[in-house]
């Protein structure tokens, strides 16, 4: 398989409120908009990926998507997001596996995990050994 591009698709119950959250609260940059002007789909840049928020799902149908977003400073980001109205599900704390995580939720009930990789974490070290 030769994958040229990819993105995560989110089908919210309330399209406008969910798009507003990603645009205004998380302040993600827009890659493109498409479809009818009254209910456009929006594709946001999401680090080295993309998040498309388009279409709808039936009310009462829970979101099963969980977004994992690595940031430089979880506590600083959480403070800013909270001030812009993000719902905090769990404050930042260091997990047993060494990452610092906090959880927020979008208006549609999608959990977003904010992750900070500490400087001494194995994800930051090159464990391949010396080059030959």
Protein backbone atom coordinates (compact mmCIF):
# COMPACT_ATOMS: atom_id res chain seq x y z
CA UNK A 1 0.00 0.00 0.00
CA UNK A 2 1.34 3.42 -0.98
CA UNK A 3 -0.40 5.94 1.34
CA UNK A 4 -0.10 9.49 0.03
CA UNK A 5 -2.26 11.31 2.56
CA UNK A 6 -4.56 10.63 5.49
CA UNK A 7 -6.87 12.34 7.95
CA UNK A 8 -9.23 11.57 10.81
CA UNK A 9 -12.95 12.09 10.13
CA UNK A 10 -15.25 13.34 12.89
CA UNK A 11 -19.02 13.22 12.36
CA UNK A 12 -20.53 15.41 15.11
CA UNK A 13 -24.14 15.78 16.22
CA UNK A 14 -23.84 19.60 16.20
CA UNK A 15 -21.65 20.44 13.21
CA UNK A 16 -21.46 24.22 13.73
CA UNK A 17 -20.65 24.05 17.47
CA UNK A 18 -17.98 21.39 16.94
CA UNK A 19 -16.33 23.28 14.08
CA UNK A 20 -16.40 26.47 16.18
CA UNK A 21 -14.65 24.61 19.04
CA UNK A 22 -11.77 23.41 16.86
CA UNK A 23 -11.49 26.79 15.10
CA UNK A 24 -11.91 29.16 18.08
CA UNK A 25 -11.10 27.25 21.28
CA UNK A 26 -8.30 25.00 20.04
CA UNK A 27 -7.42 27.56 17.36
CA UNK A 28 -6.49 24.96 14.77
CA UNK A 29 -5.62 26.33 11.33
CA UNK A 30 -7.99 25.50 8.49
CA UNK A 31 -6.54 23.45 5.63
CA UNK A 32 -9.70 23.69 3.50
CA UNK A 33 -13.45 24.05 3.51
CA UNK A 34 -15.79 22.24 1.13
CA UNK A 35 -19.43 21.54 0.44
CA UNK A 36 -22.50 23.73 0.77
CA UNK A 37 -22.08 27.16 2.40
CA UNK A 38 -24.81 26.47 4.97
CA UNK A 39 -23.15 23.26 6.23
CA UNK A 40 -19.57 23.15 4.99
CA UNK A 41 -17.06 20.49 5.88
CA UNK A 42 -13.86 21.83 7.39
CA UNK A 43 -10.45 20.17 7.36
CA UNK A 44 -8.12 21.40 10.12
CA UNK A 45 -4.36 20.99 10.34
CA UNK A 46 -3.58 18.73 13.30
CA UNK A 47 0.18 18.63 13.77
CA UNK A 48 1.45 16.27 11.08
CA UNK A 49 -2.10 15.08 10.35
CA UNK A 50 -5.49 16.53 9.53
CA UNK A 51 -8.91 16.46 11.17
CA UNK A 52 -12.01 16.71 9.00
CA UNK A 53 -15.19 17.83 10.81
CA UNK A 54 -18.09 17.25 8.44
CA UNK A 55 -21.42 15.51 8.13
CA UNK A 56 -23.48 14.46 11.11
CA UNK A 57 -24.29 11.50 13.31
CA UNK A 58 -27.58 10.85 15.07
CA UNK A 59 -28.22 12.46 18.48
CA UNK A 60 -27.66 10.00 21.33
CA UNK A 61 -24.96 8.21 19.36
CA UNK A 62 -21.74 8.59 21.36
CA UNK A 63 -18.51 9.69 19.76
CA UNK A 64 -15.97 6.87 19.80
CA UNK A 65 -13.11 9.02 18.55
CA UNK A 66 -10.30 10.00 20.92
CA UNK A 67 -7.78 12.57 19.68
CA UNK A 68 -4.19 12.45 20.99
CA UNK A 69 -2.36 15.76 20.62
CA UNK A 70 1.24 16.22 21.68
CA UNK A 71 2.01 19.73 22.95
CA UNK A 72 5.13 21.34 24.43
CA UNK A 73 3.58 22.27 27.81
CA UNK A 74 0.35 20.53 28.85
CA UNK A 75 -0.31 22.73 31.88
CA UNK A 76 0.10 25.98 29.92
CA UNK A 77 -2.12 24.73 27.10
CA UNK A 78 -4.76 23.52 29.54
CA UNK A 79 -4.83 26.93 31.23
CA UNK A 80 -5.31 28.71 27.90
CA UNK A 81 -7.93 26.25 26.64
CA UNK A 82 -9.87 26.42 29.89
CA UNK A 83 -9.91 30.23 29.66
CA UNK A 84 -11.40 29.91 26.15
CA UNK A 85 -14.16 27.62 27.43
CA UNK A 86 -12.81 24.10 26.93
CA UNK A 87 -14.36 21.51 29.24
CA UNK A 88 -11.59 19.93 31.34
CA UNK A 89 -12.23 16.26 32.11
CA UNK A 90 -8.96 15.67 33.96
CA UNK A 91 -6.18 17.99 35.07
CA UNK A 92 -2.60 17.38 33.96
CA UNK A 93 -0.74 14.60 35.73
CA UNK A 94 2.21 12.33 35.02
CA UNK A 95 1.10 8.85 34.02
CA UNK A 96 2.76 5.62 35.12
CA UNK A 97 4.24 5.36 31.62
CA UNK A 98 5.96 8.73 32.07
CA UNK A 99 3.92 11.04 29.83
CA UNK A 100 2.13 14.09 31.23
CA UNK A 101 -1.52 14.00 30.16
CA UNK A 102 -4.64 16.12 30.57
CA UNK A 103 -8.06 15.42 29.08
CA UNK A 104 -10.54 17.87 27.61
CA UNK A 105 -13.76 17.35 25.67
CA UNK A 106 -15.21 19.02 22.60
CA UNK A 107 -18.89 20.10 22.58
CA UNK A 108 -19.82 16.83 20.90
CA UNK A 109 -18.34 14.64 23.67
CA UNK A 110 -15.13 13.70 21.85
CA UNK A 111 -12.28 13.27 24.32
CA UNK A 112 -9.02 15.02 23.51
CA UNK A 113 -5.87 13.86 25.27
CA UNK A 114 -3.21 16.55 25.55
CA UNK A 115 0.21 14.94 25.95
CA UNK A 116 3.61 16.28 26.93
CA UNK A 117 6.70 14.11 26.50
CA UNK A 118 9.15 14.98 29.31
CA UNK A 119 12.79 15.57 28.36
CA UNK A 120 13.92 12.36 30.09
CA UNK A 121 11.23 10.12 28.53
CA UNK A 122 12.38 7.23 26.27
CA UNK A 123 10.40 8.72 23.37
CA UNK A 124 12.94 11.55 23.34
CA UNK A 125 16.02 9.31 23.30
CA UNK A 126 17.55 7.58 20.33
CA UNK A 127 17.98 4.01 21.59
CA UNK A 128 19.34 2.65 18.30
CA UNK A 129 22.96 2.96 19.42
CA UNK A 130 25.90 4.52 17.61
CA UNK A 131 25.96 4.68 13.82
CA UNK A 132 28.52 2.62 11.98
